Every structure is written in structure tokens, then in C-alpha cells.
Amino acid sequence: MFVFGVSLGLVAAAQTEVMPVKGLRVPFEFYPNGAVKTELLAETARMDEDGDAVAKGITVVFFRQDGAVEGLMRARDCWYNKGFSSARSDGPVQFEKNGLEISGTGYEWQVSNKVVVIRSGARVVLPRGEGGSMLGPLGKKRTVSGGPGGEAGSR
């Protein structure tokens, strides 16, 4: 009976073993024409058999329907849960899209809801247009930092 119990334990351990992966690419969303809409890239990852992963060197690429890159989200690391289609991390994160830049520390990303929550030190850089407008031609940006001690300025 003892040998049988040990054997079952070894089988269970083998089933939850993580697999190291380099150069991970996981498409999340697709356009109706089949083109990739959102894709996660990771330099390295350790995946379990359910598709959950702990990954490092993260870049999430957001594509337009014609295949052109529309935006990027970069992070040092993340834990990805395939079942909930979500990712989270306590590390730094940066997001860029159409001249908008958002960065901070610690994030949660709900892929299906298209929501990214930055938990602390959020910093937003908006494109600054002519006539004092916050939006307009790229190149001139206004910076707004959030959280305790946040500061605002231009760059």
C-alpha cells in the first residue's frame, strides 16, 4: 500500500511539472479576418500543463487589423493565468499607444475586459498639441504623475 501511495504521488508531481520555454509567443485575440489583435511575447517562461505561466521579459503587442503595431505593453515579469485570461505582476510596467505613455509598478491585466490596472506610482505622459491642448501632434508631451508626491510638468 505504501508503494502504491508513493507511485500516485510521483504521477501527480509529474503531471504538474513546469516546462521551461524560451521565446514564448501567445496570441490572445483575433480579428474576424483571423489576423492577430493582441499577442504576448516573453523572453523566458515556465509553463505548466494547464497553460499557466511565469514569464520574464514581457512585451504585449497590440495590432491593427492591417497587421501594423498599434501599441506595446512591456514588463519585467508576469504570472499569466490562461483560465482567467489574465496577467499580473508586482514589477514595473510601461504602456505606449498613439503617443500616450503610461507606466507604474504592479499591474493586473484582464485580457477579455481590455483593462489594465496599475497599482502604484502611475505616471501618464499625454501628447501635447497646439494651443495648450493635451492631444495633438506627437513630439511635445505633457507629463502627469499620480500617487503620493506626484508631480506634473512638460517635456
N, C-alpha and C. Protein backbone atom coordinates (compact mmCIF):
# COMPACT_ATOMS: atom_id res chain seq x y z
N MET A 1 0.83 -1.19 0.00
CA MET A 1 0.00 0.00 0.00
C MET A 1 0.87 1.26 0.00
N PHE A 2 1.96 1.25 0.73
CA PHE A 2 2.85 2.40 0.78
C PHE A 2 3.45 2.68 -0.59
N VAL A 3 3.90 1.65 -1.31
CA VAL A 3 4.49 1.81 -2.63
C VAL A 3 3.46 2.41 -3.59
N PHE A 4 2.22 1.95 -3.51
CA PHE A 4 1.16 2.46 -4.37
C PHE A 4 0.93 3.95 -4.10
N GLY A 5 0.93 4.36 -2.84
CA GLY A 5 0.75 5.77 -2.48
C GLY A 5 1.89 6.62 -2.99
N VAL A 6 3.13 6.13 -2.90
CA VAL A 6 4.28 6.86 -3.40
C VAL A 6 4.19 6.99 -4.92
N SER A 7 3.78 5.91 -5.59
CA SER A 7 3.65 5.95 -7.05
C SER A 7 2.62 6.98 -7.48
N LEU A 8 1.48 7.03 -6.80
CA LEU A 8 0.47 8.03 -7.15
C LEU A 8 1.01 9.44 -6.93
N GLY A 9 1.78 9.63 -5.86
CA GLY A 9 2.37 10.93 -5.59
C GLY A 9 3.34 11.35 -6.68
N LEU A 10 4.14 10.40 -7.19
CA LEU A 10 5.08 10.71 -8.27
C LEU A 10 4.35 11.03 -9.56
N VAL A 11 3.27 10.33 -9.85
CA VAL A 11 2.47 10.62 -11.05
C VAL A 11 1.86 12.01 -10.94
N ALA A 12 1.32 12.35 -9.78
CA ALA A 12 0.73 13.68 -9.58
C ALA A 12 1.79 14.76 -9.74
N ALA A 13 2.98 14.53 -9.20
CA ALA A 13 4.07 15.51 -9.31
C ALA A 13 4.47 15.68 -10.77
N ALA A 14 4.53 14.59 -11.53
CA ALA A 14 4.91 14.66 -12.93
C ALA A 14 3.86 15.43 -13.74
N GLN A 15 2.60 15.33 -13.37
CA GLN A 15 1.55 16.00 -14.10
C GLN A 15 1.58 17.51 -13.90
N THR A 16 2.11 18.00 -12.80
CA THR A 16 2.14 19.43 -12.54
C THR A 16 3.52 20.03 -12.80
N GLU A 17 4.43 19.26 -13.39
CA GLU A 17 5.78 19.73 -13.68
C GLU A 17 5.73 20.91 -14.64
N VAL A 18 6.56 21.91 -14.40
CA VAL A 18 6.61 23.07 -15.27
C VAL A 18 7.62 22.85 -16.38
N MET A 19 7.34 23.41 -17.54
CA MET A 19 8.22 23.27 -18.69
C MET A 19 8.85 24.62 -19.01
N PRO A 20 10.20 24.69 -19.07
CA PRO A 20 10.83 25.96 -19.44
C PRO A 20 10.65 26.21 -20.94
N VAL A 21 10.40 27.49 -21.28
CA VAL A 21 10.20 27.88 -22.67
C VAL A 21 10.99 29.15 -22.93
N LYS A 22 11.65 29.23 -24.08
CA LYS A 22 12.32 30.47 -24.50
C LYS A 22 11.61 30.98 -25.73
N GLY A 23 11.49 32.30 -25.83
CA GLY A 23 10.85 32.91 -26.99
C GLY A 23 9.36 32.58 -27.09
N LEU A 24 8.66 32.68 -25.97
CA LEU A 24 7.23 32.38 -25.92
C LEU A 24 6.42 33.40 -26.72
N ARG A 25 5.45 32.92 -27.51
CA ARG A 25 4.50 33.78 -28.25
C ARG A 25 3.11 33.20 -28.03
N VAL A 26 2.21 34.03 -27.44
CA VAL A 26 0.85 33.59 -27.18
C VAL A 26 -0.12 34.62 -27.74
N PRO A 27 -0.78 34.34 -28.88
CA PRO A 27 -1.81 35.26 -29.36
C PRO A 27 -3.04 35.16 -28.47
N PHE A 28 -3.61 36.34 -28.09
CA PHE A 28 -4.77 36.36 -27.20
C PHE A 28 -6.07 36.60 -27.94
N GLU A 29 -6.03 37.55 -28.84
CA GLU A 29 -7.25 37.96 -29.53
C GLU A 29 -7.00 37.96 -31.03
N PHE A 30 -8.09 37.76 -31.77
CA PHE A 30 -8.01 37.76 -33.22
C PHE A 30 -9.13 38.64 -33.80
N TYR A 31 -8.85 39.26 -34.94
CA TYR A 31 -9.87 39.99 -35.69
C TYR A 31 -10.74 38.97 -36.45
N PRO A 32 -11.92 39.38 -36.89
CA PRO A 32 -12.78 38.45 -37.65
C PRO A 32 -12.10 37.84 -38.87
N ASN A 33 -11.13 38.56 -39.47
CA ASN A 33 -10.43 38.03 -40.64
C ASN A 33 -9.31 37.05 -40.25
N GLY A 34 -9.14 36.78 -38.93
CA GLY A 34 -8.13 35.83 -38.46
C GLY A 34 -6.80 36.47 -38.09
N ALA A 35 -6.62 37.75 -38.38
CA ALA A 35 -5.38 38.43 -38.03
C ALA A 35 -5.27 38.56 -36.51
N VAL A 36 -4.04 38.47 -36.00
CA VAL A 36 -3.80 38.59 -34.57
C VAL A 36 -4.05 40.03 -34.13
N LYS A 37 -4.80 40.18 -33.06
CA LYS A 37 -5.12 41.51 -32.49
C LYS A 37 -4.21 41.82 -31.31
N THR A 38 -3.96 40.84 -30.43
CA THR A 38 -3.13 41.02 -29.25
C THR A 38 -2.27 39.78 -29.06
N GLU A 39 -0.99 39.97 -28.78
CA GLU A 39 -0.08 38.84 -28.62
C GLU A 39 0.90 39.11 -27.48
N LEU A 40 1.13 38.11 -26.64
CA LEU A 40 2.10 38.20 -25.56
C LEU A 40 3.40 37.55 -26.01
N LEU A 41 4.52 38.25 -25.84
CA LEU A 41 5.85 37.71 -26.12
C LEU A 41 6.62 37.69 -24.81
N ALA A 42 7.39 36.65 -24.58
CA ALA A 42 8.22 36.57 -23.38
C ALA A 42 9.58 36.00 -23.74
N GLU A 43 10.63 36.57 -23.16
CA GLU A 43 11.97 36.04 -23.39
C GLU A 43 12.08 34.63 -22.84
N THR A 44 11.61 34.43 -21.61
CA THR A 44 11.59 33.10 -21.00
C THR A 44 10.30 32.92 -20.22
N ALA A 45 9.90 31.67 -20.08
CA ALA A 45 8.70 31.37 -19.31
C ALA A 45 8.79 29.94 -18.79
N ARG A 46 8.07 29.70 -17.72
CA ARG A 46 7.91 28.34 -17.19
C ARG A 46 6.42 28.07 -17.19
N MET A 47 6.01 27.12 -18.02
CA MET A 47 4.58 26.83 -18.21
C MET A 47 4.21 25.50 -17.58
N ASP A 48 3.00 25.44 -17.01
CA ASP A 48 2.50 24.16 -16.53
C ASP A 48 1.57 23.58 -17.59
N GLU A 49 1.07 22.39 -17.35
CA GLU A 49 0.26 21.70 -18.36
C GLU A 49 -1.07 22.38 -18.63
N ASP A 50 -1.53 23.25 -17.74
CA ASP A 50 -2.79 23.97 -17.95
C ASP A 50 -2.60 25.23 -18.79
N GLY A 51 -1.35 25.58 -19.12
CA GLY A 51 -1.08 26.77 -19.90
C GLY A 51 -0.79 28.00 -19.06
N ASP A 52 -0.84 27.87 -17.72
CA ASP A 52 -0.45 28.99 -16.85
C ASP A 52 1.07 29.14 -16.93
N ALA A 53 1.56 30.37 -16.77
CA ALA A 53 2.99 30.59 -16.93
C ALA A 53 3.50 31.69 -16.02
N VAL A 54 4.76 31.57 -15.64
CA VAL A 54 5.51 32.65 -15.02
C VAL A 54 6.52 33.05 -16.07
N ALA A 55 6.48 34.32 -16.49
CA ALA A 55 7.29 34.74 -17.63
C ALA A 55 8.14 35.96 -17.28
N LYS A 56 9.24 36.11 -18.00
CA LYS A 56 10.16 37.24 -17.81
C LYS A 56 10.44 37.88 -19.17
N GLY A 57 10.71 39.19 -19.15
CA GLY A 57 10.98 39.92 -20.39
C GLY A 57 9.74 39.99 -21.26
N ILE A 58 8.67 40.58 -20.71
CA ILE A 58 7.36 40.57 -21.35
C ILE A 58 7.18 41.76 -22.29
N THR A 59 6.61 41.49 -23.45
CA THR A 59 6.10 42.52 -24.35
C THR A 59 4.75 42.04 -24.85
N VAL A 60 3.73 42.86 -24.67
CA VAL A 60 2.42 42.59 -25.25
C VAL A 60 2.27 43.54 -26.43
N VAL A 61 1.96 42.96 -27.59
CA VAL A 61 1.84 43.76 -28.81
C VAL A 61 0.37 43.85 -29.19
N PHE A 62 -0.09 45.08 -29.44
CA PHE A 62 -1.46 45.33 -29.89
C PHE A 62 -1.38 45.70 -31.37
N PHE A 63 -2.07 44.93 -32.22
CA PHE A 63 -2.02 45.14 -33.66
C PHE A 63 -3.31 45.77 -34.19
N ARG A 64 -3.17 46.55 -35.26
CA ARG A 64 -4.33 46.98 -36.02
C ARG A 64 -4.75 45.83 -36.93
N GLN A 65 -5.92 45.94 -37.53
CA GLN A 65 -6.42 44.86 -38.38
C GLN A 65 -5.53 44.63 -39.60
N ASP A 66 -4.82 45.68 -40.06
CA ASP A 66 -3.93 45.52 -41.21
C ASP A 66 -2.57 44.94 -40.82
N GLY A 67 -2.37 44.60 -39.52
CA GLY A 67 -1.14 43.98 -39.06
C GLY A 67 -0.11 44.96 -38.51
N ALA A 68 -0.34 46.26 -38.66
CA ALA A 68 0.58 47.26 -38.12
C ALA A 68 0.49 47.29 -36.59
N VAL A 69 1.61 47.54 -35.93
CA VAL A 69 1.64 47.62 -34.47
C VAL A 69 0.95 48.91 -34.04
N GLU A 70 -0.02 48.78 -33.13
CA GLU A 70 -0.78 49.93 -32.63
C GLU A 70 -0.30 50.36 -31.25
N GLY A 71 0.19 49.42 -30.45
CA GLY A 71 0.64 49.75 -29.10
C GLY A 71 1.46 48.62 -28.51
N LEU A 72 2.15 48.94 -27.42
CA LEU A 72 3.01 47.97 -26.73
C LEU A 72 2.82 48.11 -25.22
N MET A 73 2.90 47.00 -24.53
CA MET A 73 2.97 46.99 -23.07
C MET A 73 4.19 46.15 -22.72
N ARG A 74 5.09 46.71 -21.90
CA ARG A 74 6.32 46.00 -21.52
C ARG A 74 6.36 45.83 -20.01
N ALA A 75 6.87 44.68 -19.59
CA ALA A 75 7.01 44.42 -18.16
C ALA A 75 8.20 43.50 -17.94
N ARG A 76 8.77 43.60 -16.76
CA ARG A 76 9.91 42.76 -16.41
C ARG A 76 9.49 41.31 -16.27
N ASP A 77 8.31 41.09 -15.67
CA ASP A 77 7.84 39.73 -15.46
C ASP A 77 6.33 39.72 -15.28
N CYS A 78 5.75 38.53 -15.29
CA CYS A 78 4.32 38.41 -15.00
C CYS A 78 3.97 36.95 -14.71
N TRP A 79 2.84 36.79 -14.08
CA TRP A 79 2.21 35.49 -13.90
C TRP A 79 0.98 35.51 -14.77
N TYR A 80 0.90 34.56 -15.70
CA TYR A 80 -0.22 34.50 -16.65
C TYR A 80 -1.12 33.34 -16.30
N ASN A 81 -2.42 33.60 -16.18
CA ASN A 81 -3.42 32.58 -15.89
C ASN A 81 -4.27 32.39 -17.13
N LYS A 82 -4.07 31.27 -17.81
CA LYS A 82 -4.79 31.01 -19.06
C LYS A 82 -6.29 30.89 -18.84
N GLY A 83 -6.71 30.22 -17.76
CA GLY A 83 -8.12 30.01 -17.48
C GLY A 83 -8.90 31.31 -17.32
N PHE A 84 -8.28 32.32 -16.70
CA PHE A 84 -8.93 33.61 -16.50
C PHE A 84 -8.51 34.64 -17.54
N SER A 85 -7.62 34.24 -18.45
CA SER A 85 -7.09 35.15 -19.48
C SER A 85 -6.64 36.46 -18.83
N SER A 86 -5.74 36.31 -17.84
CA SER A 86 -5.26 37.48 -17.11
C SER A 86 -3.77 37.35 -16.81
N ALA A 87 -3.15 38.48 -16.55
CA ALA A 87 -1.74 38.51 -16.16
C ALA A 87 -1.59 39.52 -15.03
N ARG A 88 -0.60 39.28 -14.16
CA ARG A 88 -0.34 40.21 -13.07
C ARG A 88 1.12 40.17 -12.69
N SER A 89 1.57 41.23 -12.04
CA SER A 89 2.95 41.32 -11.60
C SER A 89 3.08 42.39 -10.53
N ASP A 90 4.11 42.27 -9.72
CA ASP A 90 4.44 43.31 -8.75
C ASP A 90 5.52 44.23 -9.30
N GLY A 91 6.06 43.92 -10.49
CA GLY A 91 7.14 44.68 -11.07
C GLY A 91 6.69 45.86 -11.90
N PRO A 92 7.66 46.57 -12.49
CA PRO A 92 7.34 47.74 -13.30
C PRO A 92 6.66 47.37 -14.61
N VAL A 93 5.85 48.31 -15.13
CA VAL A 93 5.13 48.12 -16.40
C VAL A 93 5.13 49.44 -17.16
N GLN A 94 5.17 49.36 -18.50
CA GLN A 94 5.08 50.53 -19.37
C GLN A 94 4.12 50.21 -20.50
N PHE A 95 3.28 51.18 -20.86
CA PHE A 95 2.31 51.02 -21.93
C PHE A 95 2.46 52.21 -22.88
N GLU A 96 2.47 51.95 -24.19
CA GLU A 96 2.57 53.01 -25.20
C GLU A 96 1.54 52.75 -26.29
N LYS A 97 0.80 53.79 -26.64
CA LYS A 97 -0.16 53.69 -27.74
C LYS A 97 -0.49 55.09 -28.25
N ASN A 98 -0.31 55.31 -29.54
CA ASN A 98 -0.65 56.59 -30.18
C ASN A 98 -0.08 57.80 -29.44
N GLY A 99 1.16 57.71 -28.98
CA GLY A 99 1.79 58.83 -28.29
C GLY A 99 1.50 58.89 -26.80
N LEU A 100 0.55 58.12 -26.32
CA LEU A 100 0.23 58.05 -24.89
C LEU A 100 1.19 57.07 -24.24
N GLU A 101 1.77 57.47 -23.11
CA GLU A 101 2.66 56.59 -22.35
C GLU A 101 2.15 56.50 -20.91
N ILE A 102 2.01 55.28 -20.41
CA ILE A 102 1.59 55.06 -19.03
C ILE A 102 2.57 54.08 -18.42
N SER A 103 3.04 54.39 -17.21
CA SER A 103 3.97 53.48 -16.53
C SER A 103 3.64 53.45 -15.04
N GLY A 104 4.17 52.45 -14.36
CA GLY A 104 3.95 52.32 -12.93
C GLY A 104 4.53 51.03 -12.42
N THR A 105 4.13 50.67 -11.21
CA THR A 105 4.63 49.46 -10.57
C THR A 105 3.46 48.60 -10.12
N GLY A 106 3.54 47.33 -10.46
CA GLY A 106 2.48 46.39 -10.12
C GLY A 106 1.28 46.58 -11.02
N TYR A 107 0.85 45.51 -11.66
CA TYR A 107 -0.31 45.62 -12.54
C TYR A 107 -1.11 44.33 -12.57
N GLU A 108 -2.35 44.50 -12.99
CA GLU A 108 -3.25 43.37 -13.26
C GLU A 108 -3.88 43.65 -14.61
N TRP A 109 -3.86 42.67 -15.51
CA TRP A 109 -4.39 42.83 -16.85
C TRP A 109 -5.45 41.79 -17.11
N GLN A 110 -6.67 42.22 -17.31
CA GLN A 110 -7.78 41.35 -17.69
C GLN A 110 -7.93 41.44 -19.20
N VAL A 111 -7.46 40.43 -19.91
CA VAL A 111 -7.44 40.47 -21.37
C VAL A 111 -8.85 40.60 -21.94
N SER A 112 -9.79 39.79 -21.46
CA SER A 112 -11.14 39.79 -22.02
C SER A 112 -11.86 41.13 -21.82
N ASN A 113 -11.59 41.82 -20.72
CA ASN A 113 -12.21 43.12 -20.45
C ASN A 113 -11.41 44.29 -21.00
N LYS A 114 -10.20 43.99 -21.50
CA LYS A 114 -9.29 45.02 -22.01
C LYS A 114 -8.97 46.07 -20.95
N VAL A 115 -8.74 45.62 -19.72
CA VAL A 115 -8.47 46.51 -18.60
C VAL A 115 -7.10 46.20 -18.01
N VAL A 116 -6.27 47.23 -17.85
CA VAL A 116 -5.00 47.12 -17.14
C VAL A 116 -5.09 48.05 -15.94
N VAL A 117 -4.86 47.52 -14.75
CA VAL A 117 -4.84 48.33 -13.53
C VAL A 117 -3.40 48.41 -13.04
N ILE A 118 -2.89 49.63 -12.91
CA ILE A 118 -1.55 49.85 -12.35
C ILE A 118 -1.74 50.18 -10.89
N ARG A 119 -1.08 49.41 -10.01
CA ARG A 119 -1.35 49.51 -8.58
C ARG A 119 -0.65 50.65 -7.87
N SER A 120 0.51 51.10 -8.35
CA SER A 120 1.16 52.21 -7.65
C SER A 120 2.09 52.97 -8.58
N GLY A 121 2.35 54.23 -8.21
CA GLY A 121 3.30 55.07 -8.93
C GLY A 121 2.91 55.32 -10.38
N ALA A 122 1.63 55.36 -10.69
CA ALA A 122 1.20 55.56 -12.07
C ALA A 122 1.70 56.91 -12.59
N ARG A 123 2.22 56.88 -13.81
CA ARG A 123 2.71 58.09 -14.47
C ARG A 123 2.15 58.08 -15.89
N VAL A 124 1.53 59.19 -16.28
CA VAL A 124 0.90 59.30 -17.59
C VAL A 124 1.57 60.42 -18.37
N VAL A 125 1.96 60.15 -19.61
CA VAL A 125 2.52 61.17 -20.49
C VAL A 125 1.58 61.26 -21.68
N LEU A 126 0.94 62.43 -21.83
CA LEU A 126 -0.01 62.65 -22.92
C LEU A 126 0.64 63.48 -24.01
N PRO A 127 0.30 63.21 -25.28
CA PRO A 127 0.81 64.07 -26.36
C PRO A 127 0.25 65.47 -26.16
N ARG A 128 1.05 66.48 -26.42
CA ARG A 128 0.61 67.87 -26.25
C ARG A 128 0.48 68.52 -27.62
N GLY A 129 -0.69 69.03 -27.89
CA GLY A 129 -0.96 69.65 -29.19
C GLY A 129 -0.78 71.16 -29.14
N GLU A 130 -1.15 71.78 -30.22
CA GLU A 130 -1.05 73.24 -30.32
C GLU A 130 -2.16 73.90 -29.51
N GLY A 131 -1.94 75.12 -29.06
CA GLY A 131 -2.94 75.87 -28.33
C GLY A 131 -3.19 75.34 -26.92
N GLY A 132 -2.24 74.59 -26.36
CA GLY A 132 -2.38 74.10 -24.99
C GLY A 132 -3.20 72.84 -24.87
N SER A 133 -3.69 72.31 -25.98
CA SER A 133 -4.46 71.07 -25.94
C SER A 133 -3.56 69.92 -25.50
N MET A 134 -4.11 68.97 -24.76
CA MET A 134 -3.35 67.81 -24.32
C MET A 134 -3.13 66.82 -25.47
N LEU A 135 -3.96 66.88 -26.49
CA LEU A 135 -3.86 65.93 -27.60
C LEU A 135 -3.49 66.67 -28.87
N GLY A 136 -2.70 66.05 -29.69
CA GLY A 136 -2.32 66.69 -30.94
C GLY A 136 -1.09 66.03 -31.51
N PRO A 137 -0.28 66.77 -32.26
CA PRO A 137 0.90 66.18 -32.89
C PRO A 137 1.85 65.58 -31.87
N LEU A 138 2.49 64.49 -32.27
CA LEU A 138 3.45 63.84 -31.37
C LEU A 138 4.71 64.69 -31.26
N GLY A 139 5.47 64.46 -30.25
CA GLY A 139 6.72 65.16 -30.07
C GLY A 139 6.73 66.03 -28.83
N LYS A 140 5.66 66.78 -28.60
CA LYS A 140 5.55 67.58 -27.39
C LYS A 140 4.58 66.86 -26.47
N LYS A 141 5.02 66.56 -25.27
CA LYS A 141 4.19 65.80 -24.35
C LYS A 141 4.09 66.49 -23.01
N ARG A 142 2.98 66.27 -22.36
CA ARG A 142 2.78 66.77 -21.01
C ARG A 142 2.78 65.56 -20.09
N THR A 143 3.48 65.66 -18.98
CA THR A 143 3.61 64.54 -18.05
C THR A 143 2.76 64.81 -16.81
N VAL A 144 2.01 63.81 -16.38
CA VAL A 144 1.23 63.89 -15.16
C VAL A 144 1.53 62.64 -14.36
N SER A 145 2.02 62.80 -13.14
CA SER A 145 2.34 61.65 -12.29
C SER A 145 1.31 61.55 -11.18
N GLY A 146 0.96 60.33 -10.82
CA GLY A 146 -0.04 60.14 -9.78
C GLY A 146 0.56 59.58 -8.51
N GLY A 147 -0.25 59.45 -7.50
CA GLY A 147 0.19 58.89 -6.24
C GLY A 147 0.79 59.94 -5.34
N PRO A 148 1.17 59.53 -4.15
CA PRO A 148 1.77 60.48 -3.21
C PRO A 148 3.03 61.11 -3.78
N GLY A 149 3.12 62.41 -3.68
CA GLY A 149 4.31 63.11 -4.14
C GLY A 149 4.39 63.24 -5.64
N GLY A 150 3.29 62.94 -6.36
CA GLY A 150 3.29 63.04 -7.81
C GLY A 150 3.53 64.45 -8.26
N GLU A 151 4.13 64.61 -9.43
CA GLU A 151 4.42 65.94 -9.94
C GLU A 151 3.93 66.04 -11.38
N ALA A 152 3.71 67.22 -11.82
CA ALA A 152 3.29 67.46 -13.20
C ALA A 152 4.28 68.38 -13.86
N GLY A 153 4.49 68.19 -15.14
CA GLY A 153 5.41 69.03 -15.87
C GLY A 153 5.33 68.74 -17.35
N SER A 154 6.17 69.40 -18.12
CA SER A 154 6.21 69.17 -19.57
C SER A 154 7.57 68.66 -19.95
N ARG A 155 7.57 67.94 -21.07
CA ARG A 155 8.86 67.54 -21.63
C ARG A 155 8.79 67.60 -23.12
